[in-house]
Amino acid sequence: MKQYPIDALWQELIYLAYHLHWPLDDLLDLEHVDRARLVHGVSALNARAWEEARQL
């Protein structure tokens, strides 16, 4: 079984905790694929918000 890099895990956890305000235990309970999907979704929302702000 291949282990997920701890630094990458912490980057995901910090990013999601910052944006979603979820407790660490809840984030750690997520499967990797679910956590990655959330990171991608939050990132897309941020990109869209920044694009809209630039157009003002």
C-alpha atoms as a PDB file:
ATOM      1  CA  MET A   1       0.000   0.000   0.000  1.00  0.00           C
ATOM      2  CA  LYS A   2       1.368   3.379  -1.034  1.00  0.00           C
ATOM      3  CA  GLN A   3       1.354   6.041   1.700  1.00  0.00           C
ATOM      4  CA  TYR A   4       0.100   9.556   0.895  1.00  0.00           C
ATOM      5  CA  PRO A   5       2.818  12.197   1.485  1.00  0.00           C
ATOM      6  CA  ILE A   6       2.285  13.837   4.879  1.00  0.00           C
ATOM      7  CA  ASP A   7       3.137  17.332   3.582  1.00  0.00           C
ATOM      8  CA  ALA A   8       0.501  17.045   0.854  1.00  0.00           C
ATOM      9  CA  LEU A   9      -2.048  15.839   3.411  1.00  0.00           C
ATOM     10  CA  TRP A  10      -1.354  18.837   5.655  1.00  0.00           C
ATOM     11  CA  GLN A  11      -1.622  21.247   2.715  1.00  0.00           C
ATOM     12  CA  GLU A  12      -5.066  19.841   1.915  1.00  0.00           C
ATOM     13  CA  LEU A  13      -6.151  19.955   5.556  1.00  0.00           C
ATOM     14  CA  ILE A  14      -4.999  23.544   6.048  1.00  0.00           C
ATOM     15  CA  TYR A  15      -6.638  24.699   2.816  1.00  0.00           C
ATOM     16  CA  LEU A  16      -9.978  23.087   3.656  1.00  0.00           C
ATOM     17  CA  ALA A  17      -9.952  24.118   7.313  1.00  0.00           C
ATOM     18  CA  TYR A  18      -9.262  27.723   6.293  1.00  0.00           C
ATOM     19  CA  HIS A  19     -11.998  27.893   3.670  1.00  0.00           C
ATOM     20  CA  LEU A  20     -14.648  25.598   5.152  1.00  0.00           C
ATOM     21  CA  HIS A  21     -14.027  26.152   8.876  1.00  0.00           C
ATOM     22  CA  TRP A  22     -14.366  22.442   9.536  1.00  0.00           C
ATOM     23  CA  PRO A  23     -12.719  20.813  12.556  1.00  0.00           C
ATOM     24  CA  LEU A  24      -9.538  18.834  11.953  1.00  0.00           C
ATOM     25  CA  ASP A  25     -11.152  15.567  13.055  1.00  0.00           C
ATOM     26  CA  ASP A  26     -13.882  15.924  10.422  1.00  0.00           C
ATOM     27  CA  LEU A  27     -11.319  16.582   7.708  1.00  0.00           C
ATOM     28  CA  LEU A  28      -9.174  13.636   8.805  1.00  0.00           C
ATOM     29  CA  ASP A  29     -12.220  11.359   8.650  1.00  0.00           C
ATOM     30  CA  LEU A  30     -12.610  12.034   4.923  1.00  0.00           C
ATOM     31  CA  GLU A  31     -11.321   9.556   2.379  1.00  0.00           C
ATOM     32  CA  HIS A  32      -8.547  10.932   0.194  1.00  0.00           C
ATOM     33  CA  VAL A  33     -10.723  11.039  -2.927  1.00  0.00           C
ATOM     34  CA  ASP A  34     -13.417  13.020  -1.073  1.00  0.00           C
ATOM     35  CA  ARG A  35     -10.874  15.427   0.391  1.00  0.00           C
ATOM     36  CA  ALA A  36      -9.312  15.933  -3.039  1.00  0.00           C
ATOM     37  CA  ARG A  37     -12.749  16.604  -4.553  1.00  0.00           C
ATOM     38  CA  LEU A  38     -13.405  19.244  -1.884  1.00  0.00           C
ATOM     39  CA  VAL A  39     -10.023  20.888  -2.512  1.00  0.00           C
ATOM     40  CA  HIS A  40     -10.788  21.027  -6.233  1.00  0.00           C
ATOM     41  CA  GLY A  41     -14.286  22.414  -5.634  1.00  0.00           C
ATOM     42  CA  VAL A  42     -13.159  25.113  -3.201  1.00  0.00           C
ATOM     43  CA  SER A  43     -10.334  26.057  -5.546  1.00  0.00           C
ATOM     44  CA  ALA A  44     -12.786  26.425  -8.438  1.00  0.00           C
ATOM     45  CA  LEU A  45     -15.079  28.623  -6.332  1.00  0.00           C
ATOM     46  CA  ASN A  46     -12.121  30.815  -5.335  1.00  0.00           C
ATOM     47  CA  ALA A  47     -10.980  31.155  -8.942  1.00  0.00           C
ATOM     48  CA  ARG A  48     -14.483  32.137 -10.027  1.00  0.00           C
ATOM     49  CA  ALA A  49     -14.783  34.704  -7.215  1.00  0.00           C
ATOM     50  CA  TRP A  50     -11.410  36.248  -8.087  1.00  0.00           C
ATOM     51  CA  GLU A  51     -12.345  36.408 -11.770  1.00  0.00           C
ATOM     52  CA  GLU A  52     -15.603  38.177 -10.949  1.00  0.00           C
ATOM     53  CA  ALA A  53     -13.772  40.611  -8.647  1.00  0.00           C
ATOM     54  CA  ARG A  54     -11.284  41.450 -11.413  1.00  0.00           C
ATOM     55  CA  GLN A  55     -14.128  42.304 -13.787  1.00  0.00           C
ATOM     56  CA  LEU A  56     -15.606  44.942 -11.448  1.00  0.00           C
END
